[in-house]
Amino acid sequence: MTREEALAVVQRQVDAYNARNLEAFVATYAPDATIADSSGVRGAGHDWIRSQYGPLFAGGSAPVEIRGRVAAGAWVVDEELVRRPHGDIHVLATYRLAGGAIAEVLLLTGPEVVDGG
């Protein structure tokens, strides 16, 4: 997978997230994709992704703003700001892509909440 292809898949994932389009969001992931945070793997696979993000999207999930993005080969790292009414969350999202889809995600957040804007 080229750098440009990896960037395009991650951008489709972000666009689907912000549009709250669950099926388009899930389609950017490999069937056995894993999502982890600093505590370890939170879940894996399309069914798990649907179970976690479906209610979030239905509830009007906060949009994500990409503050920065770097890529090398099949790796993409985003600096993201998740906009919420009671304070924004700063996230570093690391994506590993394989076979045209996101195979692995590591989400890192600090304990701080950044005041809006």
C-alpha atoms as a PDB file:
ATOM      1  CA  MET A   1       0.000   0.000   0.000  1.00  0.00           C
ATOM      2  CA  THR A   2       1.400   3.380  -0.947  1.00  0.00           C
ATOM      3  CA  ARG A   3       1.504   6.398   1.337  1.00  0.00           C
ATOM      4  CA  GLU A   4      -1.122   8.120  -0.814  1.00  0.00           C
ATOM      5  CA  GLU A   5      -3.467   5.115  -0.629  1.00  0.00           C
ATOM      6  CA  ALA A   6      -3.065   4.925   3.150  1.00  0.00           C
ATOM      7  CA  LEU A   7      -3.810   8.643   3.499  1.00  0.00           C
ATOM      8  CA  ALA A   8      -6.929   8.300   1.341  1.00  0.00           C
ATOM      9  CA  VAL A   9      -8.332   5.436   3.455  1.00  0.00           C
ATOM     10  CA  VAL A  10      -7.770   7.319   6.713  1.00  0.00           C
ATOM     11  CA  GLN A  11      -9.392  10.436   5.267  1.00  0.00           C
ATOM     12  CA  ARG A  12     -12.431   8.366   4.210  1.00  0.00           C
ATOM     13  CA  GLN A  13     -12.622   7.052   7.776  1.00  0.00           C
ATOM     14  CA  VAL A  14     -12.522  10.586   9.230  1.00  0.00           C
ATOM     15  CA  ASP A  15     -15.114  11.809   6.726  1.00  0.00           C
ATOM     16  CA  ALA A  16     -17.439   8.896   7.585  1.00  0.00           C
ATOM     17  CA  TYR A  17     -16.958   9.565  11.318  1.00  0.00           C
ATOM     18  CA  ASN A  18     -17.859  13.227  10.931  1.00  0.00           C
ATOM     19  CA  ALA A  19     -20.866  12.329   8.744  1.00  0.00           C
ATOM     20  CA  ARG A  20     -21.931   9.706  11.332  1.00  0.00           C
ATOM     21  CA  ASN A  21     -22.135   7.178   8.501  1.00  0.00           C
ATOM     22  CA  LEU A  22     -21.612   3.897  10.328  1.00  0.00           C
ATOM     23  CA  GLU A  23     -21.399   1.589   7.314  1.00  0.00           C
ATOM     24  CA  ALA A  24     -18.960   3.855   5.452  1.00  0.00           C
ATOM     25  CA  PHE A  25     -16.900   4.081   8.668  1.00  0.00           C
ATOM     26  CA  VAL A  26     -16.834   0.295   9.164  1.00  0.00           C
ATOM     27  CA  ALA A  27     -15.941  -0.216   5.478  1.00  0.00           C
ATOM     28  CA  THR A  28     -12.596   1.516   6.008  1.00  0.00           C
ATOM     29  CA  TYR A  29     -11.546  -1.223   8.469  1.00  0.00           C
ATOM     30  CA  ALA A  30     -10.280  -4.748   7.816  1.00  0.00           C
ATOM     31  CA  PRO A  31     -12.726  -7.435   9.025  1.00  0.00           C
ATOM     32  CA  ASP A  32     -10.354  -8.311  11.895  1.00  0.00           C
ATOM     33  CA  ALA A  33      -9.085  -4.785  12.631  1.00  0.00           C
ATOM     34  CA  THR A  34      -8.102  -4.024  16.216  1.00  0.00           C
ATOM     35  CA  ILE A  35      -8.635  -0.792  18.121  1.00  0.00           C
ATOM     36  CA  ALA A  36      -6.488  -0.166  21.172  1.00  0.00           C
ATOM     37  CA  ASP A  37      -5.700   2.566  23.645  1.00  0.00           C
ATOM     38  CA  SER A  38      -2.971   2.924  26.262  1.00  0.00           C
ATOM     39  CA  SER A  39      -4.635   0.179  28.329  1.00  0.00           C
ATOM     40  CA  GLY A  40      -4.510  -2.368  25.509  1.00  0.00           C
ATOM     41  CA  VAL A  41      -6.825  -3.730  22.827  1.00  0.00           C
ATOM     42  CA  ARG A  42     -10.402  -2.507  23.351  1.00  0.00           C
ATOM     43  CA  GLY A  43     -11.941  -4.643  20.634  1.00  0.00           C
ATOM     44  CA  ALA A  44     -11.670  -6.111  17.175  1.00  0.00           C
ATOM     45  CA  GLY A  45     -13.673  -6.712  14.045  1.00  0.00           C
ATOM     46  CA  HIS A  46     -16.561  -5.132  12.212  1.00  0.00           C
ATOM     47  CA  ASP A  47     -19.204  -6.273  14.711  1.00  0.00           C
ATOM     48  CA  TRP A  48     -17.317  -4.750  17.633  1.00  0.00           C
ATOM     49  CA  ILE A  49     -16.774  -1.494  15.725  1.00  0.00           C
ATOM     50  CA  ARG A  50     -20.505  -1.313  14.958  1.00  0.00           C
ATOM     51  CA  SER A  51     -21.387  -2.003  18.606  1.00  0.00           C
ATOM     52  CA  GLN A  52     -19.146   0.814  19.817  1.00  0.00           C
ATOM     53  CA  TYR A  53     -19.609   3.466  17.171  1.00  0.00           C
ATOM     54  CA  GLY A  54     -23.281   2.847  16.272  1.00  0.00           C
ATOM     55  CA  PRO A  55     -24.631   4.295  19.536  1.00  0.00           C
ATOM     56  CA  LEU A  56     -22.051   7.083  19.414  1.00  0.00           C
ATOM     57  CA  PHE A  57     -23.156   8.123  15.933  1.00  0.00           C
ATOM     58  CA  ALA A  58     -26.851   7.777  16.807  1.00  0.00           C
ATOM     59  CA  GLY A  59     -26.302  10.049  19.805  1.00  0.00           C
ATOM     60  CA  GLY A  60     -24.774  12.812  17.688  1.00  0.00           C
ATOM     61  CA  SER A  61     -21.056  12.139  18.159  1.00  0.00           C
ATOM     62  CA  ALA A  62     -18.749  15.109  18.427  1.00  0.00           C
ATOM     63  CA  PRO A  63     -16.920  15.956  15.209  1.00  0.00           C
ATOM     64  CA  VAL A  64     -13.194  15.380  14.921  1.00  0.00           C
ATOM     65  CA  GLU A  65     -10.834  18.027  13.593  1.00  0.00           C
ATOM     66  CA  ILE A  66      -7.511  16.903  12.140  1.00  0.00           C
ATOM     67  CA  ARG A  67      -4.802  19.201  13.521  1.00  0.00           C
ATOM     68  CA  GLY A  68      -1.925  17.414  11.796  1.00  0.00           C
ATOM     69  CA  ARG A  69      -1.173  14.276   9.825  1.00  0.00           C
ATOM     70  CA  VAL A  70       2.011  12.399   8.946  1.00  0.00           C
ATOM     71  CA  ALA A  71       2.429   9.203   6.976  1.00  0.00           C
ATOM     72  CA  ALA A  72       5.146   6.737   6.083  1.00  0.00           C
ATOM     73  CA  GLY A  73       4.254   3.786   3.889  1.00  0.00           C
ATOM     74  CA  ALA A  74       1.310   1.979   5.430  1.00  0.00           C
ATOM     75  CA  TRP A  75       1.383   4.050   8.655  1.00  0.00           C
ATOM     76  CA  VAL A  76      -0.620   7.222   9.260  1.00  0.00           C
ATOM     77  CA  VAL A  77      -0.601   9.286  12.458  1.00  0.00           C
ATOM     78  CA  ASP A  78      -3.223  11.954  13.069  1.00  0.00           C
ATOM     79  CA  GLU A  79      -3.290  14.631  15.707  1.00  0.00           C
ATOM     80  CA  GLU A  80      -6.998  15.027  16.351  1.00  0.00           C
ATOM     81  CA  LEU A  81      -9.187  17.331  18.360  1.00  0.00           C
ATOM     82  CA  VAL A  82     -12.579  15.858  19.225  1.00  0.00           C
ATOM     83  CA  ARG A  83     -14.981  18.785  19.623  1.00  0.00           C
ATOM     84  CA  ARG A  84     -17.403  18.435  22.543  1.00  0.00           C
ATOM     85  CA  PRO A  85     -19.659  21.013  24.204  1.00  0.00           C
ATOM     86  CA  HIS A  86     -18.023  20.549  27.626  1.00  0.00           C
ATOM     87  CA  GLY A  87     -14.430  20.568  26.378  1.00  0.00           C
ATOM     88  CA  ASP A  88     -12.359  19.143  23.565  1.00  0.00           C
ATOM     89  CA  ILE A  89     -10.265  15.970  23.759  1.00  0.00           C
ATOM     90  CA  HIS A  90      -6.779  15.854  22.241  1.00  0.00           C
ATOM     91  CA  VAL A  91      -6.049  12.485  20.581  1.00  0.00           C
ATOM     92  CA  LEU A  92      -3.119  10.967  18.738  1.00  0.00           C
ATOM     93  CA  ALA A  93      -4.448   8.253  16.422  1.00  0.00           C
ATOM     94  CA  THR A  94      -1.990   5.820  14.859  1.00  0.00           C
ATOM     95  CA  TYR A  95      -3.295   3.756  11.949  1.00  0.00           C
ATOM     96  CA  ARG A  96      -1.621   0.742  10.321  1.00  0.00           C
ATOM     97  CA  LEU A  97      -3.106  -0.148   6.970  1.00  0.00           C
ATOM     98  CA  ALA A  98      -2.983  -3.432   5.067  1.00  0.00           C
ATOM     99  CA  GLY A  99      -4.856  -4.716   2.061  1.00  0.00           C
ATOM    100  CA  GLY A 100      -6.483  -1.352   1.413  1.00  0.00           C
ATOM    101  CA  ALA A 101      -8.046  -1.068   4.870  1.00  0.00           C
ATOM    102  CA  ILE A 102      -7.240  -0.017   8.426  1.00  0.00           C
ATOM    103  CA  ALA A 103      -5.829  -3.083  10.188  1.00  0.00           C
ATOM    104  CA  GLU A 104      -4.884  -1.563  13.519  1.00  0.00           C
ATOM    105  CA  VAL A 105      -5.561   1.642  15.449  1.00  0.00           C
ATOM    106  CA  LEU A 106      -3.888   2.942  18.591  1.00  0.00           C
ATOM    107  CA  LEU A 107      -5.664   5.903  20.236  1.00  0.00           C
ATOM    108  CA  LEU A 108      -3.672   7.908  22.760  1.00  0.00           C
ATOM    109  CA  THR A 109      -5.273  10.654  24.830  1.00  0.00           C
ATOM    110  CA  GLY A 110      -3.955  12.820  27.588  1.00  0.00           C
ATOM    111  CA  PRO A 111      -5.827  13.268  30.859  1.00  0.00           C
ATOM    112  CA  GLU A 112      -6.437  16.913  30.019  1.00  0.00           C
ATOM    113  CA  VAL A 113      -9.512  18.361  28.404  1.00  0.00           C
ATOM    114  CA  VAL A 114      -8.801  21.428  26.293  1.00  0.00           C
ATOM    115  CA  ASP A 115     -11.265  24.304  26.662  1.00  0.00           C
ATOM    116  CA  GLY A 116     -13.202  24.882  23.396  1.00  0.00           C
ATOM    117  CA  GLY A 117     -11.746  26.631  20.351  1.00  0.00           C
END
